[in-house]
Amino acid sequence: MRLFRTPLGARTVVGFTDPGRLAATLGVRQPWIRLYESVLSAMAEPLGVSLLTLDPTFTAAAVAAGNRSRLPCPKPPRSQPGSPDGGSHGDHSRSVRAQGQCG
């Protein structure tokens, strides 16, 4: 079972109607088994995925191990004189780095 994301970010389980379409999207060495749509949807349901996409054609290239680019952290905004936060914008940057989003 393969889960993808739609262009809007929703998770979707994907299925293919024939091995040629699977190979065109995921490569010729992609293992597969034949399933009914209802079975595929039932397998994805416990994962909170209710969307089923058949024969997706647009995919992003795979990220090679060790070739992942990191997003630069945005600079925190400067506090304005007399601002109620007392210049605590830096705390947000640290929490973003701790979550692995930049750094």
N, C-alpha and C. Protein backbone atom coordinates (compact mmCIF):
# COMPACT_ATOMS: atom_id res chain seq x y z
N MET A 1 0.85 -1.17 0.00
CA MET A 1 0.00 0.00 0.00
C MET A 1 0.90 1.23 0.00
N ARG A 2 0.63 2.17 -0.88
CA ARG A 2 1.40 3.40 -0.96
C ARG A 2 0.50 4.58 -0.65
N LEU A 3 1.00 5.48 0.19
CA LEU A 3 0.29 6.72 0.49
C LEU A 3 1.06 7.86 -0.15
N PHE A 4 0.35 8.73 -0.82
CA PHE A 4 0.91 9.94 -1.41
C PHE A 4 0.23 11.13 -0.78
N ARG A 5 0.67 12.31 -1.17
CA ARG A 5 -0.01 13.55 -0.80
C ARG A 5 -0.52 14.20 -2.08
N THR A 6 -1.71 14.75 -1.99
CA THR A 6 -2.26 15.48 -3.12
C THR A 6 -1.53 16.82 -3.23
N PRO A 7 -1.70 17.55 -4.33
CA PRO A 7 -1.06 18.86 -4.43
C PRO A 7 -1.45 19.81 -3.30
N LEU A 8 -2.59 19.59 -2.66
CA LEU A 8 -3.00 20.44 -1.55
C LEU A 8 -2.58 19.88 -0.19
N GLY A 9 -1.88 18.75 -0.19
CA GLY A 9 -1.32 18.21 1.04
C GLY A 9 -2.13 17.13 1.73
N ALA A 10 -3.29 16.78 1.20
CA ALA A 10 -4.10 15.71 1.82
C ALA A 10 -3.45 14.36 1.52
N ARG A 11 -3.54 13.44 2.50
CA ARG A 11 -3.01 12.10 2.28
C ARG A 11 -4.00 11.29 1.45
N THR A 12 -3.48 10.50 0.54
CA THR A 12 -4.32 9.66 -0.30
C THR A 12 -3.64 8.32 -0.50
N VAL A 13 -4.44 7.27 -0.52
CA VAL A 13 -3.92 5.95 -0.87
C VAL A 13 -4.00 5.86 -2.39
N VAL A 14 -2.99 5.26 -3.01
CA VAL A 14 -2.98 5.20 -4.47
C VAL A 14 -3.08 3.77 -4.95
N GLY A 15 -3.72 3.64 -6.10
CA GLY A 15 -3.84 2.35 -6.76
C GLY A 15 -3.66 2.54 -8.25
N PHE A 16 -3.32 1.48 -8.92
CA PHE A 16 -3.09 1.54 -10.36
C PHE A 16 -3.97 0.50 -11.05
N THR A 17 -4.46 0.85 -12.23
CA THR A 17 -5.37 -0.06 -12.93
C THR A 17 -4.64 -1.10 -13.77
N ASP A 18 -3.33 -0.93 -13.98
CA ASP A 18 -2.55 -1.97 -14.66
C ASP A 18 -1.07 -1.80 -14.33
N PRO A 19 -0.29 -2.88 -14.45
CA PRO A 19 1.13 -2.83 -14.09
C PRO A 19 1.94 -1.80 -14.89
N GLY A 20 1.56 -1.53 -16.13
CA GLY A 20 2.27 -0.54 -16.93
C GLY A 20 2.15 0.86 -16.36
N ARG A 21 0.98 1.21 -15.88
CA ARG A 21 0.79 2.54 -15.27
C ARG A 21 1.55 2.64 -13.94
N LEU A 22 1.58 1.56 -13.19
CA LEU A 22 2.37 1.53 -11.96
C LEU A 22 3.85 1.74 -12.28
N ALA A 23 4.37 1.02 -13.27
CA ALA A 23 5.78 1.13 -13.64
C ALA A 23 6.11 2.52 -14.15
N ALA A 24 5.20 3.14 -14.88
CA ALA A 24 5.45 4.48 -15.41
C ALA A 24 5.57 5.52 -14.30
N THR A 25 4.90 5.29 -13.19
CA THR A 25 4.93 6.25 -12.09
C THR A 25 5.97 5.91 -11.03
N LEU A 26 6.07 4.64 -10.65
CA LEU A 26 6.94 4.25 -9.54
C LEU A 26 8.15 3.40 -9.95
N GLY A 27 8.27 3.07 -11.22
CA GLY A 27 9.41 2.28 -11.67
C GLY A 27 9.05 0.82 -11.87
N VAL A 28 9.84 0.15 -12.71
CA VAL A 28 9.53 -1.23 -13.09
C VAL A 28 9.76 -2.23 -11.97
N ARG A 29 10.56 -1.88 -10.98
CA ARG A 29 10.85 -2.83 -9.89
C ARG A 29 9.89 -2.70 -8.70
N GLN A 30 8.86 -1.91 -8.85
CA GLN A 30 7.90 -1.71 -7.76
C GLN A 30 7.08 -2.97 -7.56
N PRO A 31 7.14 -3.58 -6.37
CA PRO A 31 6.31 -4.78 -6.14
C PRO A 31 4.83 -4.40 -6.08
N TRP A 32 3.98 -5.34 -6.45
CA TRP A 32 2.56 -5.06 -6.45
C TRP A 32 1.75 -6.34 -6.27
N ILE A 33 0.52 -6.15 -5.81
CA ILE A 33 -0.46 -7.23 -5.77
C ILE A 33 -1.78 -6.65 -6.25
N ARG A 34 -2.65 -7.50 -6.72
CA ARG A 34 -3.96 -7.07 -7.21
C ARG A 34 -4.92 -6.96 -6.02
N LEU A 35 -5.60 -5.81 -5.90
CA LEU A 35 -6.59 -5.59 -4.85
C LEU A 35 -7.81 -4.88 -5.42
N TYR A 36 -8.96 -5.14 -4.85
CA TYR A 36 -10.15 -4.36 -5.16
C TYR A 36 -10.01 -2.98 -4.52
N GLU A 37 -10.65 -1.99 -5.14
CA GLU A 37 -10.63 -0.63 -4.58
C GLU A 37 -11.15 -0.63 -3.14
N SER A 38 -12.20 -1.39 -2.89
CA SER A 38 -12.80 -1.40 -1.56
C SER A 38 -11.82 -1.93 -0.51
N VAL A 39 -11.00 -2.92 -0.89
CA VAL A 39 -10.02 -3.48 0.04
C VAL A 39 -8.91 -2.46 0.31
N LEU A 40 -8.44 -1.81 -0.74
CA LEU A 40 -7.41 -0.79 -0.58
C LEU A 40 -7.90 0.34 0.32
N SER A 41 -9.12 0.80 0.10
CA SER A 41 -9.69 1.85 0.95
C SER A 41 -9.84 1.39 2.39
N ALA A 42 -10.26 0.14 2.59
CA ALA A 42 -10.41 -0.39 3.95
C ALA A 42 -9.07 -0.50 4.67
N MET A 43 -8.00 -0.80 3.92
CA MET A 43 -6.68 -0.88 4.54
C MET A 43 -6.18 0.50 4.96
N ALA A 44 -6.53 1.53 4.22
CA ALA A 44 -6.06 2.89 4.51
C ALA A 44 -6.90 3.57 5.59
N GLU A 45 -8.13 3.14 5.78
CA GLU A 45 -9.04 3.79 6.73
C GLU A 45 -8.49 3.87 8.16
N PRO A 46 -7.91 2.80 8.72
CA PRO A 46 -7.38 2.91 10.09
C PRO A 46 -6.25 3.94 10.22
N LEU A 47 -5.64 4.32 9.11
CA LEU A 47 -4.58 5.33 9.13
C LEU A 47 -5.15 6.74 8.97
N GLY A 48 -6.46 6.85 8.88
CA GLY A 48 -7.10 8.16 8.73
C GLY A 48 -7.10 8.67 7.30
N VAL A 49 -6.89 7.77 6.35
CA VAL A 49 -6.86 8.16 4.94
C VAL A 49 -8.14 7.67 4.28
N SER A 50 -8.94 8.62 3.79
CA SER A 50 -10.20 8.24 3.17
C SER A 50 -10.24 8.56 1.67
N LEU A 51 -9.20 9.18 1.16
CA LEU A 51 -9.14 9.54 -0.26
C LEU A 51 -8.39 8.46 -1.03
N LEU A 52 -8.93 8.04 -2.17
CA LEU A 52 -8.31 7.04 -3.03
C LEU A 52 -8.02 7.69 -4.37
N THR A 53 -6.78 7.61 -4.83
CA THR A 53 -6.39 8.14 -6.13
C THR A 53 -5.95 6.99 -7.01
N LEU A 54 -6.56 6.89 -8.19
CA LEU A 54 -6.19 5.84 -9.13
C LEU A 54 -5.32 6.42 -10.24
N ASP A 55 -4.27 5.69 -10.59
CA ASP A 55 -3.37 6.04 -11.68
C ASP A 55 -2.81 7.46 -11.61
N PRO A 56 -2.19 7.83 -10.47
CA PRO A 56 -1.58 9.16 -10.42
C PRO A 56 -0.43 9.23 -11.42
N THR A 57 -0.27 10.36 -12.07
CA THR A 57 0.78 10.48 -13.08
C THR A 57 1.85 11.48 -12.70
N PHE A 58 1.54 12.43 -11.85
CA PHE A 58 2.53 13.43 -11.49
C PHE A 58 3.12 13.09 -10.13
N THR A 59 4.42 12.91 -10.08
CA THR A 59 5.10 12.62 -8.83
C THR A 59 6.37 13.44 -8.76
N ALA A 60 6.85 13.67 -7.56
CA ALA A 60 8.12 14.35 -7.37
C ALA A 60 9.24 13.32 -7.42
N ALA A 61 10.40 13.76 -7.82
CA ALA A 61 11.55 12.86 -7.84
C ALA A 61 11.90 12.44 -6.42
N ALA A 62 12.37 11.24 -6.27
CA ALA A 62 12.77 10.73 -4.95
C ALA A 62 13.97 11.53 -4.43
N VAL A 63 13.99 11.74 -3.14
CA VAL A 63 15.11 12.44 -2.51
C VAL A 63 16.18 11.40 -2.18
N ALA A 64 17.38 11.62 -2.69
CA ALA A 64 18.47 10.69 -2.42
C ALA A 64 18.95 10.86 -0.98
N ALA A 65 19.31 9.78 -0.33
CA ALA A 65 19.81 9.84 1.04
C ALA A 65 21.04 10.73 1.09
N GLY A 66 21.08 11.62 2.07
CA GLY A 66 22.21 12.52 2.24
C GLY A 66 22.17 13.71 1.30
N ASN A 67 21.13 13.82 0.48
CA ASN A 67 21.03 14.93 -0.47
C ASN A 67 19.85 15.83 -0.13
N ARG A 68 19.42 15.81 1.09
CA ARG A 68 18.27 16.61 1.49
C ARG A 68 18.71 18.03 1.79
N SER A 69 18.08 18.96 1.14
CA SER A 69 18.43 20.35 1.41
C SER A 69 17.63 20.82 2.61
N ARG A 70 18.22 21.68 3.38
CA ARG A 70 17.56 22.19 4.57
C ARG A 70 17.06 23.59 4.27
N LEU A 71 15.90 23.89 4.78
CA LEU A 71 15.34 25.21 4.59
C LEU A 71 16.04 26.19 5.53
N PRO A 72 16.35 27.38 5.04
CA PRO A 72 16.95 28.36 5.93
C PRO A 72 15.92 28.87 6.93
N CYS A 73 16.36 29.12 8.14
CA CYS A 73 15.47 29.68 9.15
C CYS A 73 15.24 31.15 8.85
N PRO A 74 14.00 31.59 8.92
CA PRO A 74 13.76 33.01 8.75
C PRO A 74 14.30 33.77 9.96
N LYS A 75 14.78 34.96 9.71
CA LYS A 75 15.25 35.78 10.81
C LYS A 75 14.05 36.27 11.59
N PRO A 76 14.12 36.22 12.92
CA PRO A 76 12.99 36.69 13.71
C PRO A 76 12.83 38.20 13.51
N PRO A 77 11.59 38.68 13.51
CA PRO A 77 11.38 40.12 13.36
C PRO A 77 11.94 40.87 14.57
N ARG A 78 12.40 42.04 14.31
CA ARG A 78 12.91 42.87 15.41
C ARG A 78 11.75 43.40 16.21
N SER A 79 11.92 43.47 17.53
CA SER A 79 10.85 44.01 18.35
C SER A 79 10.81 45.53 18.18
N GLN A 80 9.62 46.00 18.21
CA GLN A 80 9.39 47.44 18.14
C GLN A 80 9.55 48.03 19.53
N PRO A 81 10.07 49.24 19.62
CA PRO A 81 10.18 49.86 20.95
C PRO A 81 8.81 49.89 21.63
N GLY A 82 8.80 49.46 22.86
CA GLY A 82 7.56 49.46 23.65
C GLY A 82 6.64 48.30 23.31
N SER A 83 7.13 47.31 22.56
CA SER A 83 6.25 46.18 22.22
C SER A 83 6.03 45.33 23.47
N PRO A 84 4.82 44.75 23.61
CA PRO A 84 4.52 43.97 24.81
C PRO A 84 5.30 42.67 24.91
N ASP A 85 5.90 42.20 23.81
CA ASP A 85 6.58 40.91 23.88
C ASP A 85 7.99 41.02 24.43
N GLY A 86 8.50 42.21 24.52
CA GLY A 86 9.82 42.39 25.09
C GLY A 86 10.91 41.71 24.28
N GLY A 87 10.66 41.53 22.97
CA GLY A 87 11.69 40.94 22.12
C GLY A 87 11.77 39.43 22.20
N SER A 88 10.66 38.74 22.43
CA SER A 88 10.70 37.28 22.59
C SER A 88 10.53 36.54 21.27
N HIS A 89 10.66 37.22 20.14
CA HIS A 89 10.50 36.55 18.85
C HIS A 89 11.51 35.44 18.65
N GLY A 90 12.67 35.54 19.26
CA GLY A 90 13.69 34.52 19.12
C GLY A 90 13.23 33.17 19.64
N ASP A 91 12.33 33.15 20.62
CA ASP A 91 11.83 31.89 21.15
C ASP A 91 11.14 31.07 20.06
N HIS A 92 10.41 31.74 19.17
CA HIS A 92 9.73 31.03 18.09
C HIS A 92 10.76 30.37 17.17
N SER A 93 11.84 31.06 16.85
CA SER A 93 12.86 30.48 15.98
C SER A 93 13.46 29.23 16.60
N ARG A 94 13.70 29.26 17.89
CA ARG A 94 14.27 28.09 18.54
C ARG A 94 13.29 26.92 18.50
N SER A 95 12.00 27.17 18.68
CA SER A 95 11.04 26.06 18.65
C SER A 95 10.94 25.49 17.25
N VAL A 96 11.06 26.31 16.20
CA VAL A 96 11.02 25.79 14.85
C VAL A 96 12.23 24.92 14.58
N ARG A 97 13.41 25.34 15.01
CA ARG A 97 14.61 24.54 14.83
C ARG A 97 14.48 23.22 15.57
N ALA A 98 13.92 23.24 16.77
CA ALA A 98 13.80 22.01 17.55
C ALA A 98 12.89 21.01 16.85
N GLN A 99 11.93 21.50 16.04
CA GLN A 99 11.04 20.60 15.33
C GLN A 99 11.63 20.14 14.01
N GLY A 100 12.85 20.57 13.69
CA GLY A 100 13.51 20.10 12.49
C GLY A 100 13.08 20.79 11.21
N GLN A 101 12.46 21.95 11.30
CA GLN A 101 11.99 22.62 10.11
C GLN A 101 13.05 23.46 9.45
N CYS A 102 14.07 23.86 10.16
CA CYS A 102 15.12 24.66 9.56
C CYS A 102 16.35 24.58 10.45
N GLY A 103 17.44 25.18 9.98
CA GLY A 103 18.60 25.21 10.85
C GLY A 103 19.84 24.72 10.31
